[in-house]
Structures are given as C-alpha cells and as structure tokens.
Amino acid sequence: SLNALCDNFIENRDRIRSGFGWEYSYIYPVCAAIFTNK
C-alpha cells in the first residue's frame, strides 16, 4: 500500500509539473499530496 502510494505521488507530481510549468518547485509535491491522500 505504501509502495503504491509512493508511485501515485510521483506520477501526480510529474503530471502537475508538466501541466503547470514555471511554479516554485516546492509547490508541486504539496499539490501532488492533495490528490495522493485521496
């Protein structure tokens, strides 16, 4: 379950970064966690 969550987190982070460029780098993991925790 933790392994799946980690994979989902990285996928979410990369999707957000590709769709919304030029943001501060530390914002992407926070946004990714919002989706991953759900």
PDB file of all heavy atoms in Angstrom:
ATOM      1  N   SER A   1       0.826  -1.215   0.000  1.00  0.00           N
ATOM      2  CA  SER A   1       0.000   0.000   0.000  1.00  0.00           C
ATOM      3  C   SER A   1       0.856   1.258   0.000  1.00  0.00           C
ATOM      4  O   SER A   1       0.540   2.239  -0.682  1.00  0.00           O
ATOM      5  CB  SER A   1      -0.935   0.008   1.214  1.00  0.00           C
ATOM      6  OG  SER A   1      -0.199  -0.056   2.420  1.00  0.00           O
ATOM      7  N   LEU A   2       1.965   1.246   0.742  1.00  0.00           N
ATOM      8  CA  LEU A   2       2.859   2.398   0.765  1.00  0.00           C
ATOM      9  C   LEU A   2       3.591   2.536  -0.558  1.00  0.00           C
ATOM     10  O   LEU A   2       3.775   3.642  -1.072  1.00  0.00           O
ATOM     11  CB  LEU A   2       3.854   2.271   1.920  1.00  0.00           C
ATOM     12  CG  LEU A   2       4.900   3.386   2.053  1.00  0.00           C
ATOM     13  CD1 LEU A   2       4.226   4.755   2.169  1.00  0.00           C
ATOM     14  CD2 LEU A   2       5.793   3.130   3.270  1.00  0.00           C
ATOM     15  N   ASN A   3       3.985   1.412  -1.127  1.00  0.00           N
ATOM     16  CA  ASN A   3       4.669   1.438  -2.419  1.00  0.00           C
ATOM     17  C   ASN A   3       3.765   2.033  -3.493  1.00  0.00           C
ATOM     18  O   ASN A   3       4.192   2.865  -4.312  1.00  0.00           O
ATOM     19  CB  ASN A   3       5.092   0.021  -2.811  1.00  0.00           C
ATOM     20  CG  ASN A   3       5.947  -0.008  -4.055  1.00  0.00           C
ATOM     21  OD1 ASN A   3       7.036   0.567  -4.070  1.00  0.00           O
ATOM     22  ND2 ASN A   3       5.473  -0.650  -5.099  1.00  0.00           N
ATOM     23  N   ALA A   4       2.491   1.621  -3.495  1.00  0.00           N
ATOM     24  CA  ALA A   4       1.531   2.151  -4.473  1.00  0.00           C
ATOM     25  C   ALA A   4       1.319   3.644  -4.269  1.00  0.00           C
ATOM     26  O   ALA A   4       1.201   4.409  -5.234  1.00  0.00           O
ATOM     27  CB  ALA A   4       0.202   1.404  -4.350  1.00  0.00           C
ATOM     28  N   LEU A   5       1.275   4.062  -3.005  1.00  0.00           N
ATOM     29  CA  LEU A   5       1.079   5.476  -2.707  1.00  0.00           C
ATOM     30  C   LEU A   5       2.275   6.302  -3.185  1.00  0.00           C
ATOM     31  O   LEU A   5       2.101   7.403  -3.729  1.00  0.00           O
ATOM     32  CB  LEU A   5       0.884   5.659  -1.205  1.00  0.00           C
ATOM     33  CG  LEU A   5       0.009   6.833  -0.748  1.00  0.00           C
ATOM     34  CD1 LEU A   5      -1.424   6.650  -1.230  1.00  0.00           C
ATOM     35  CD2 LEU A   5       0.039   6.966   0.763  1.00  0.00           C
ATOM     36  N   CYS A   6       3.479   5.799  -2.993  1.00  0.00           N
ATOM     37  CA  CYS A   6       4.683   6.497  -3.454  1.00  0.00           C
ATOM     38  C   CYS A   6       4.681   6.631  -4.979  1.00  0.00           C
ATOM     39  O   CYS A   6       5.014   7.697  -5.516  1.00  0.00           O
ATOM     40  CB  CYS A   6       5.933   5.744  -2.992  1.00  0.00           C
ATOM     41  SG  CYS A   6       6.270   5.846  -1.216  1.00  0.00           S
ATOM     42  N   ASP A   7       4.321   5.564  -5.667  1.00  0.00           N
ATOM     43  CA  ASP A   7       4.244   5.616  -7.135  1.00  0.00           C
ATOM     44  C   ASP A   7       3.216   6.646  -7.587  1.00  0.00           C
ATOM     45  O   ASP A   7       3.457   7.425  -8.522  1.00  0.00           O
ATOM     46  CB  ASP A   7       3.877   4.234  -7.698  1.00  0.00           C
ATOM     47  CG  ASP A   7       5.033   3.240  -7.632  1.00  0.00           C
ATOM     48  OD1 ASP A   7       6.196   3.690  -7.626  1.00  0.00           O
ATOM     49  OD2 ASP A   7       4.773   2.028  -7.576  1.00  0.00           O
ATOM     50  N   ASN A   8       2.061   6.655  -6.926  1.00  0.00           N
ATOM     51  CA  ASN A   8       0.993   7.594  -7.263  1.00  0.00           C
ATOM     52  C   ASN A   8       1.425   9.039  -7.012  1.00  0.00           C
ATOM     53  O   ASN A   8       1.123   9.944  -7.804  1.00  0.00           O
ATOM     54  CB  ASN A   8      -0.256   7.259  -6.460  1.00  0.00           C
ATOM     55  CG  ASN A   8      -1.450   8.133  -6.783  1.00  0.00           C
ATOM     56  OD1 ASN A   8      -2.075   8.697  -5.897  1.00  0.00           O
ATOM     57  ND2 ASN A   8      -1.789   8.253  -8.057  1.00  0.00           N
ATOM     58  N   PHE A   9       2.145   9.244  -5.942  1.00  0.00           N
ATOM     59  CA  PHE A   9       2.639  10.581  -5.587  1.00  0.00           C
ATOM     60  C   PHE A   9       3.575  11.126  -6.668  1.00  0.00           C
ATOM     61  O   PHE A   9       3.430  12.275  -7.102  1.00  0.00           O
ATOM     62  CB  PHE A   9       3.358  10.512  -4.244  1.00  0.00           C
ATOM     63  CG  PHE A   9       4.078  11.772  -3.844  1.00  0.00           C
ATOM     64  CD1 PHE A   9       3.361  12.890  -3.434  1.00  0.00           C
ATOM     65  CD2 PHE A   9       5.456  11.831  -3.872  1.00  0.00           C
ATOM     66  CE1 PHE A   9       4.033  14.062  -3.050  1.00  0.00           C
ATOM     67  CE2 PHE A   9       6.132  12.989  -3.499  1.00  0.00           C
ATOM     68  CZ  PHE A   9       5.417  14.106  -3.087  1.00  0.00           C
ATOM     69  N   ILE A  10       4.512  10.302  -7.104  1.00  0.00           N
ATOM     70  CA  ILE A  10       5.455  10.745  -8.131  1.00  0.00           C
ATOM     71  C   ILE A  10       4.739  10.998  -9.455  1.00  0.00           C
ATOM     72  O   ILE A  10       4.995  11.989 -10.143  1.00  0.00           O
ATOM     73  CB  ILE A  10       6.577   9.706  -8.321  1.00  0.00           C
ATOM     74  CG1 ILE A  10       7.450   9.625  -7.059  1.00  0.00           C
ATOM     75  CG2 ILE A  10       7.430  10.042  -9.534  1.00  0.00           C
ATOM     76  CD1 ILE A  10       8.152  10.926  -6.697  1.00  0.00           C
ATOM     77  N   GLU A  11       3.806  10.120  -9.806  1.00  0.00           N
ATOM     78  CA  GLU A  11       3.036  10.322 -11.033  1.00  0.00           C
ATOM     79  C   GLU A  11       2.240  11.625 -10.963  1.00  0.00           C
ATOM     80  O   GLU A  11       2.217  12.407 -11.936  1.00  0.00           O
ATOM     81  CB  GLU A  11       2.093   9.146 -11.274  1.00  0.00           C
ATOM     82  CG  GLU A  11       1.268   9.289 -12.555  1.00  0.00           C
ATOM     83  CD  GLU A  11       0.295   8.136 -12.780  1.00  0.00           C
ATOM     84  OE1 GLU A  11       0.231   7.228 -11.930  1.00  0.00           O
ATOM     85  OE2 GLU A  11      -0.406   8.157 -13.816  1.00  0.00           O
ATOM     86  N   ASN A  12       1.597  11.875  -9.841  1.00  0.00           N
ATOM     87  CA  ASN A  12       0.830  13.105  -9.689  1.00  0.00           C
ATOM     88  C   ASN A  12       1.721  14.340  -9.756  1.00  0.00           C
ATOM     89  O   ASN A  12       1.374  15.335 -10.401  1.00  0.00           O
ATOM     90  CB  ASN A  12       0.061  13.087  -8.362  1.00  0.00           C
ATOM     91  CG  ASN A  12      -1.162  12.195  -8.408  1.00  0.00           C
ATOM     92  OD1 ASN A  12      -1.698  11.909  -9.466  1.00  0.00           O
ATOM     93  ND2 ASN A  12      -1.614  11.751  -7.237  1.00  0.00           N
ATOM     94  N   ARG A  13       2.855  14.290  -9.080  1.00  0.00           N
ATOM     95  CA  ARG A  13       3.777  15.426  -9.114  1.00  0.00           C
ATOM     96  C   ARG A  13       4.219  15.737 -10.531  1.00  0.00           C
ATOM     97  O   ARG A  13       4.224  16.898 -10.966  1.00  0.00           O
ATOM     98  CB  ARG A  13       5.003  15.125  -8.244  1.00  0.00           C
ATOM     99  CG  ARG A  13       5.998  16.275  -8.154  1.00  0.00           C
ATOM    100  CD  ARG A  13       7.387  15.794  -7.821  1.00  0.00           C
ATOM    101  NE  ARG A  13       7.932  14.910  -8.849  1.00  0.00           N
ATOM    102  CZ  ARG A  13       9.174  14.425  -8.826  1.00  0.00           C
ATOM    103  NH1 ARG A  13       9.973  14.715  -7.811  1.00  0.00           N
ATOM    104  NH2 ARG A  13       9.607  13.628  -9.782  1.00  0.00           N
ATOM    105  N   ASP A  14       4.594  14.693 -11.291  1.00  0.00           N
ATOM    106  CA  ASP A  14       5.090  14.894 -12.649  1.00  0.00           C
ATOM    107  C   ASP A  14       3.994  15.390 -13.586  1.00  0.00           C
ATOM    108  O   ASP A  14       4.242  16.217 -14.475  1.00  0.00           O
ATOM    109  CB  ASP A  14       5.704  13.599 -13.181  1.00  0.00           C
ATOM    110  CG  ASP A  14       6.996  13.220 -12.449  1.00  0.00           C
ATOM    111  OD1 ASP A  14       7.525  14.082 -11.734  1.00  0.00           O
ATOM    112  OD2 ASP A  14       7.438  12.062 -12.590  1.00  0.00           O
ATOM    113  N   ARG A  15       2.774  14.914 -13.372  1.00  0.00           N
ATOM    114  CA  ARG A  15       1.661  15.388 -14.213  1.00  0.00           C
ATOM    115  C   ARG A  15       1.388  16.865 -13.966  1.00  0.00           C
ATOM    116  O   ARG A  15       1.177  17.635 -14.910  1.00  0.00           O
ATOM    117  CB  ARG A  15       0.397  14.568 -13.923  1.00  0.00           C
ATOM    118  CG  ARG A  15       0.412  13.169 -14.499  1.00  0.00           C
ATOM    119  CD  ARG A  15      -0.986  12.542 -14.429  1.00  0.00           C
ATOM    120  NE  ARG A  15      -1.011  11.201 -14.992  1.00  0.00           N
ATOM    121  CZ  ARG A  15      -2.113  10.595 -15.409  1.00  0.00           C
ATOM    122  NH1 ARG A  15      -3.288  11.226 -15.323  1.00  0.00           N
ATOM    123  NH2 ARG A  15      -2.069   9.380 -15.889  1.00  0.00           N
ATOM    124  N   ILE A  16       1.378  17.245 -12.709  1.00  0.00           N
ATOM    125  CA  ILE A  16       1.107  18.647 -12.376  1.00  0.00           C
ATOM    126  C   ILE A  16       2.219  19.545 -12.905  1.00  0.00           C
ATOM    127  O   ILE A  16       1.962  20.619 -13.463  1.00  0.00           O
ATOM    128  CB  ILE A  16       0.941  18.818 -10.856  1.00  0.00           C
ATOM    129  CG1 ILE A  16      -0.283  18.047 -10.364  1.00  0.00           C
ATOM    130  CG2 ILE A  16       0.796  20.301 -10.492  1.00  0.00           C
ATOM    131  CD1 ILE A  16      -0.402  17.978  -8.853  1.00  0.00           C
ATOM    132  N   ARG A  17       3.443  19.101 -12.765  1.00  0.00           N
ATOM    133  CA  ARG A  17       4.565  19.912 -13.234  1.00  0.00           C
ATOM    134  C   ARG A  17       4.538  20.073 -14.748  1.00  0.00           C
ATOM    135  O   ARG A  17       4.854  21.143 -15.281  1.00  0.00           O
ATOM    136  CB  ARG A  17       5.892  19.275 -12.795  1.00  0.00           C
ATOM    137  CG  ARG A  17       7.120  20.117 -13.151  1.00  0.00           C
ATOM    138  CD  ARG A  17       8.326  19.707 -12.335  1.00  0.00           C
ATOM    139  NE  ARG A  17       8.575  18.284 -12.374  1.00  0.00           N
ATOM    140  CZ  ARG A  17       9.445  17.667 -11.588  1.00  0.00           C
ATOM    141  NH1 ARG A  17      10.119  18.366 -10.687  1.00  0.00           N
ATOM    142  NH2 ARG A  17       9.635  16.374 -11.673  1.00  0.00           N
ATOM    143  N   SER A  18       4.127  19.018 -15.464  1.00  0.00           N
ATOM    144  CA  SER A  18       4.065  19.108 -16.924  1.00  0.00           C
ATOM    145  C   SER A  18       2.896  19.976 -17.381  1.00  0.00           C
ATOM    146  O   SER A  18       2.975  20.647 -18.419  1.00  0.00           O
ATOM    147  CB  SER A  18       3.932  17.712 -17.541  1.00  0.00           C
ATOM    148  OG  SER A  18       2.696  17.108 -17.194  1.00  0.00           O
ATOM    149  N   GLY A  19       1.811  20.002 -16.590  1.00  0.00           N
ATOM    150  CA  GLY A  19       0.637  20.780 -16.976  1.00  0.00           C
ATOM    151  C   GLY A  19       0.677  22.224 -16.525  1.00  0.00           C
ATOM    152  O   GLY A  19       0.019  23.088 -17.105  1.00  0.00           O
ATOM    153  N   PHE A  20       1.467  22.489 -15.469  1.00  0.00           N
ATOM    154  CA  PHE A  20       1.553  23.840 -14.911  1.00  0.00           C
ATOM    155  C   PHE A  20       3.016  24.182 -14.650  1.00  0.00           C
ATOM    156  O   PHE A  20       3.520  24.028 -13.537  1.00  0.00           O
ATOM    157  CB  PHE A  20       0.742  23.947 -13.619  1.00  0.00           C
ATOM    158  CG  PHE A  20      -0.737  23.764 -13.798  1.00  0.00           C
ATOM    159  CD1 PHE A  20      -1.298  22.487 -13.783  1.00  0.00           C
ATOM    160  CD2 PHE A  20      -1.569  24.854 -13.994  1.00  0.00           C
ATOM    161  CE1 PHE A  20      -2.662  22.314 -13.958  1.00  0.00           C
ATOM    162  CE2 PHE A  20      -2.930  24.688 -14.169  1.00  0.00           C
ATOM    163  CZ  PHE A  20      -3.482  23.424 -14.159  1.00  0.00           C
ATOM    164  N   GLY A  21       3.703  24.600 -15.677  1.00  0.00           N
ATOM    165  CA  GLY A  21       5.114  24.931 -15.555  1.00  0.00           C
ATOM    166  C   GLY A  21       5.329  26.284 -14.891  1.00  0.00           C
ATOM    167  O   GLY A  21       4.391  27.042 -14.644  1.00  0.00           O
ATOM    168  N   TRP A  22       6.594  26.560 -14.535  1.00  0.00           N
ATOM    169  CA  TRP A  22       7.008  27.848 -14.008  1.00  0.00           C
ATOM    170  C   TRP A  22       6.480  28.141 -12.607  1.00  0.00           C
ATOM    171  O   TRP A  22       6.376  29.284 -12.192  1.00  0.00           O
ATOM    172  CB  TRP A  22       6.606  28.991 -14.956  1.00  0.00           C
ATOM    173  CG  TRP A  22       7.108  28.798 -16.354  1.00  0.00           C
ATOM    174  CD1 TRP A  22       6.374  28.443 -17.442  1.00  0.00           C
ATOM    175  CD2 TRP A  22       8.457  28.898 -16.794  1.00  0.00           C
ATOM    176  NE1 TRP A  22       7.179  28.328 -18.558  1.00  0.00           N
ATOM    177  CE2 TRP A  22       8.466  28.612 -18.184  1.00  0.00           C
ATOM    178  CE3 TRP A  22       9.680  29.215 -16.174  1.00  0.00           C
ATOM    179  CZ2 TRP A  22       9.633  28.617 -18.948  1.00  0.00           C
ATOM    180  CZ3 TRP A  22      10.840  29.232 -16.935  1.00  0.00           C
ATOM    181  CH2 TRP A  22      10.806  28.932 -18.300  1.00  0.00           C
ATOM    182  N   GLU A  23       6.123  27.107 -11.880  1.00  0.00           N
ATOM    183  CA  GLU A  23       5.771  27.289 -10.473  1.00  0.00           C
ATOM    184  C   GLU A  23       7.016  27.023  -9.616  1.00  0.00           C
ATOM    185  O   GLU A  23       7.983  26.419 -10.078  1.00  0.00           O
ATOM    186  CB  GLU A  23       4.657  26.315 -10.068  1.00  0.00           C
ATOM    187  CG  GLU A  23       3.326  26.546 -10.754  1.00  0.00           C
ATOM    188  CD  GLU A  23       2.560  27.712 -10.170  1.00  0.00           C
ATOM    189  OE1 GLU A  23       2.974  28.227  -9.111  1.00  0.00           O
ATOM    190  OE2 GLU A  23       1.538  28.100 -10.768  1.00  0.00           O
ATOM    191  N   TYR A  24       6.967  27.463  -8.363  1.00  0.00           N
ATOM    192  CA  TYR A  24       8.046  27.118  -7.444  1.00  0.00           C
ATOM    193  C   TYR A  24       8.081  25.605  -7.266  1.00  0.00           C
ATOM    194  O   TYR A  24       7.041  24.966  -7.110  1.00  0.00           O
ATOM    195  CB  TYR A  24       7.842  27.796  -6.090  1.00  0.00           C
ATOM    196  CG  TYR A  24       8.161  29.269  -6.095  1.00  0.00           C
ATOM    197  CD1 TYR A  24       7.142  30.208  -6.218  1.00  0.00           C
ATOM    198  CD2 TYR A  24       9.469  29.728  -5.989  1.00  0.00           C
ATOM    199  CE1 TYR A  24       7.424  31.573  -6.234  1.00  0.00           C
ATOM    200  CE2 TYR A  24       9.766  31.077  -6.007  1.00  0.00           C
ATOM    201  CZ  TYR A  24       8.737  31.990  -6.126  1.00  0.00           C
ATOM    202  OH  TYR A  24       9.026  33.332  -6.140  1.00  0.00           O
ATOM    203  N   SER A  25       9.273  25.037  -7.268  1.00  0.00           N
ATOM    204  CA  SER A  25       9.407  23.578  -7.265  1.00  0.00           C
ATOM    205  C   SER A  25       8.778  22.929  -6.039  1.00  0.00           C
ATOM    206  O   SER A  25       8.281  21.803  -6.118  1.00  0.00           O
ATOM    207  CB  SER A  25      10.888  23.183  -7.348  1.00  0.00           C
ATOM    208  OG  SER A  25      11.612  23.703  -6.238  1.00  0.00           O
ATOM    209  N   TYR A  26       8.768  23.636  -4.897  1.00  0.00           N
ATOM    210  CA  TYR A  26       8.238  23.015  -3.676  1.00  0.00           C
ATOM    211  C   TYR A  26       6.713  22.963  -3.658  1.00  0.00           C
ATOM    212  O   TYR A  26       6.122  22.317  -2.791  1.00  0.00           O
ATOM    213  CB  TYR A  26       8.744  23.741  -2.429  1.00  0.00           C
ATOM    214  CG  TYR A  26       8.654  25.242  -2.462  1.00  0.00           C
ATOM    215  CD1 TYR A  26       7.429  25.900  -2.416  1.00  0.00           C
ATOM    216  CD2 TYR A  26       9.813  26.020  -2.548  1.00  0.00           C
ATOM    217  CE1 TYR A  26       7.342  27.264  -2.445  1.00  0.00           C
ATOM    218  CE2 TYR A  26       9.735  27.401  -2.580  1.00  0.00           C
ATOM    219  CZ  TYR A  26       8.498  28.019  -2.528  1.00  0.00           C
ATOM    220  OH  TYR A  26       8.424  29.394  -2.574  1.00  0.00           O
ATOM    221  N   ILE A  27       6.056  23.635  -4.600  1.00  0.00           N
ATOM    222  CA  ILE A  27       4.596  23.597  -4.649  1.00  0.00           C
ATOM    223  C   ILE A  27       4.092  22.283  -5.245  1.00  0.00           C
ATOM    224  O   ILE A  27       3.061  21.758  -4.835  1.00  0.00           O
ATOM    225  CB  ILE A  27       4.049  24.801  -5.447  1.00  0.00           C
ATOM    226  CG1 ILE A  27       4.175  26.070  -4.599  1.00  0.00           C
ATOM    227  CG2 ILE A  27       2.593  24.603  -5.856  1.00  0.00           C
ATOM    228  CD1 ILE A  27       3.620  27.321  -5.252  1.00  0.00           C
ATOM    229  N   TYR A  28       4.825  21.726  -6.211  1.00  0.00           N
ATOM    230  CA  TYR A  28       4.359  20.517  -6.897  1.00  0.00           C
ATOM    231  C   TYR A  28       4.140  19.329  -5.954  1.00  0.00           C
ATOM    232  O   TYR A  28       3.103  18.659  -6.038  1.00  0.00           O
ATOM    233  CB  TYR A  28       5.332  20.133  -8.013  1.00  0.00           C
ATOM    234  CG  TYR A  28       5.435  21.173  -9.106  1.00  0.00           C
ATOM    235  CD1 TYR A  28       6.651  21.768  -9.424  1.00  0.00           C
ATOM    236  CD2 TYR A  28       4.315  21.570  -9.828  1.00  0.00           C
ATOM    237  CE1 TYR A  28       6.753  22.730 -10.427  1.00  0.00           C
ATOM    238  CE2 TYR A  28       4.400  22.530 -10.829  1.00  0.00           C
ATOM    239  CZ  TYR A  28       5.624  23.111 -11.124  1.00  0.00           C
ATOM    240  OH  TYR A  28       5.713  24.062 -12.105  1.00  0.00           O
ATOM    241  N   PRO A  29       5.074  19.028  -5.047  1.00  0.00           N
ATOM    242  CA  PRO A  29       4.817  17.903  -4.122  1.00  0.00           C
ATOM    243  C   PRO A  29       3.616  18.133  -3.208  1.00  0.00           C
ATOM    244  O   PRO A  29       2.894  17.189  -2.888  1.00  0.00           O
ATOM    245  CB  PRO A  29       6.126  17.812  -3.315  1.00  0.00           C
ATOM    246  CG  PRO A  29       7.153  18.462  -4.171  1.00  0.00           C
ATOM    247  CD  PRO A  29       6.434  19.557  -4.888  1.00  0.00           C
ATOM    248  N   VAL A  30       3.406  19.390  -2.782  1.00  0.00           N
ATOM    249  CA  VAL A  30       2.252  19.688  -1.928  1.00  0.00           C
ATOM    250  C   VAL A  30       0.963  19.403  -2.676  1.00  0.00           C
ATOM    251  O   VAL A  30       0.035  18.761  -2.156  1.00  0.00           O
ATOM    252  CB  VAL A  30       2.288  21.159  -1.457  1.00  0.00           C
ATOM    253  CG1 VAL A  30       1.033  21.486  -0.651  1.00  0.00           C
ATOM    254  CG2 VAL A  30       3.529  21.424  -0.616  1.00  0.00           C
ATOM    255  N   CYS A  31       0.891  19.870  -3.931  1.00  0.00           N
ATOM    256  CA  CYS A  31      -0.305  19.633  -4.743  1.00  0.00           C
ATOM    257  C   CYS A  31      -0.492  18.145  -5.025  1.00  0.00           C
ATOM    258  O   CYS A  31      -1.614  17.630  -4.993  1.00  0.00           O
ATOM    259  CB  CYS A  31      -0.208  20.415  -6.057  1.00  0.00           C
ATOM    260  SG  CYS A  31      -0.220  22.209  -5.829  1.00  0.00           S
ATOM    261  N   ALA A  32       0.612  17.466  -5.303  1.00  0.00           N
ATOM    262  CA  ALA A  32       0.531  16.027  -5.569  1.00  0.00           C
ATOM    263  C   ALA A  32      -0.020  15.277  -4.366  1.00  0.00           C
ATOM    264  O   ALA A  32      -0.829  14.353  -4.502  1.00  0.00           O
ATOM    265  CB  ALA A  32       1.915  15.486  -5.932  1.00  0.00           C
ATOM    266  N   ALA A  33       0.389  15.693  -3.164  1.00  0.00           N
ATOM    267  CA  ALA A  33      -0.074  15.026  -1.939  1.00  0.00           C
ATOM    268  C   ALA A  33      -1.574  15.204  -1.725  1.00  0.00           C
ATOM    269  O   ALA A  33      -2.235  14.326  -1.167  1.00  0.00           O
ATOM    270  CB  ALA A  33       0.704  15.562  -0.737  1.00  0.00           C
ATOM    271  N   ILE A  34      -2.124  16.331  -2.184  1.00  0.00           N
ATOM    272  CA  ILE A  34      -3.561  16.566  -2.043  1.00  0.00           C
ATOM    273  C   ILE A  34      -4.346  15.473  -2.762  1.00  0.00           C
ATOM    274  O   ILE A  34      -5.327  14.938  -2.242  1.00  0.00           O
ATOM    275  CB  ILE A  34      -3.928  17.958  -2.595  1.00  0.00           C
ATOM    276  CG1 ILE A  34      -3.368  19.054  -1.666  1.00  0.00           C
ATOM    277  CG2 ILE A  34      -5.450  18.113  -2.744  1.00  0.00           C
ATOM    278  CD1 ILE A  34      -3.429  20.454  -2.247  1.00  0.00           C
ATOM    279  N   PHE A  35      -3.891  15.119  -3.971  1.00  0.00           N
ATOM    280  CA  PHE A  35      -4.558  14.059  -4.735  1.00  0.00           C
ATOM    281  C   PHE A  35      -4.199  12.673  -4.203  1.00  0.00           C
ATOM    282  O   PHE A  35      -5.056  11.788  -4.088  1.00  0.00           O
ATOM    283  CB  PHE A  35      -4.163  14.154  -6.209  1.00  0.00           C
ATOM    284  CG  PHE A  35      -4.674  15.381  -6.902  1.00  0.00           C
ATOM    285  CD1 PHE A  35      -3.871  16.500  -7.046  1.00  0.00           C
ATOM    286  CD2 PHE A  35      -5.964  15.425  -7.413  1.00  0.00           C
ATOM    287  CE1 PHE A  35      -4.345  17.641  -7.676  1.00  0.00           C
ATOM    288  CE2 PHE A  35      -6.448  16.553  -8.048  1.00  0.00           C
ATOM    289  CZ  PHE A  35      -5.633  17.673  -8.186  1.00  0.00           C
ATOM    290  N   THR A  36      -2.935  12.487  -3.865  1.00  0.00           N
ATOM    291  CA  THR A  36      -2.467  11.176  -3.416  1.00  0.00           C
ATOM    292  C   THR A  36      -3.170  10.738  -2.139  1.00  0.00           C
ATOM    293  O   THR A  36      -3.549   9.569  -1.994  1.00  0.00           O
ATOM    294  CB  THR A  36      -0.947  11.197  -3.207  1.00  0.00           C
ATOM    295  OG1 THR A  36      -0.302  11.565  -4.438  1.00  0.00           O
ATOM    296  CG2 THR A  36      -0.432   9.836  -2.774  1.00  0.00           C
ATOM    297  N   ASN A  37      -3.381  11.667  -1.202  1.00  0.00           N
ATOM    298  CA  ASN A  37      -4.044  11.317   0.053  1.00  0.00           C
ATOM    299  C   ASN A  37      -5.503  10.954  -0.143  1.00  0.00           C
ATOM    300  O   ASN A  37      -6.121  10.331   0.726  1.00  0.00           O
ATOM    301  CB  ASN A  37      -3.916  12.466   1.052  1.00  0.00           C
ATOM    302  CG  ASN A  37      -2.550  12.522   1.693  1.00  0.00           C
ATOM    303  OD1 ASN A  37      -1.919  11.493   1.903  1.00  0.00           O
ATOM    304  ND2 ASN A  37      -2.071  13.712   1.978  1.00  0.00           N
ATOM    305  N   LYS A  38      -6.060  11.337  -1.295  1.00  0.00           N
ATOM    306  CA  LYS A  38      -7.428  10.934  -1.623  1.00  0.00           C
ATOM    307  C   LYS A  38      -7.441   9.738  -2.577  1.00  0.00           C
ATOM    308  O   LYS A  38      -8.491   9.363  -3.088  1.00  0.00           O
ATOM    309  CB  LYS A  38      -8.174  12.110  -2.256  1.00  0.00           C
ATOM    310  CG  LYS A  38      -8.585  13.181  -1.261  1.00  0.00           C
ATOM    311  CD  LYS A  38      -9.608  14.129  -1.875  1.00  0.00           C
ATOM    312  CE  LYS A  38     -10.197  15.034  -0.832  1.00  0.00           C
ATOM    313  NZ  LYS A  38     -11.289  15.888  -1.373  1.00  0.00           N
TER     314      LYS A  38
END
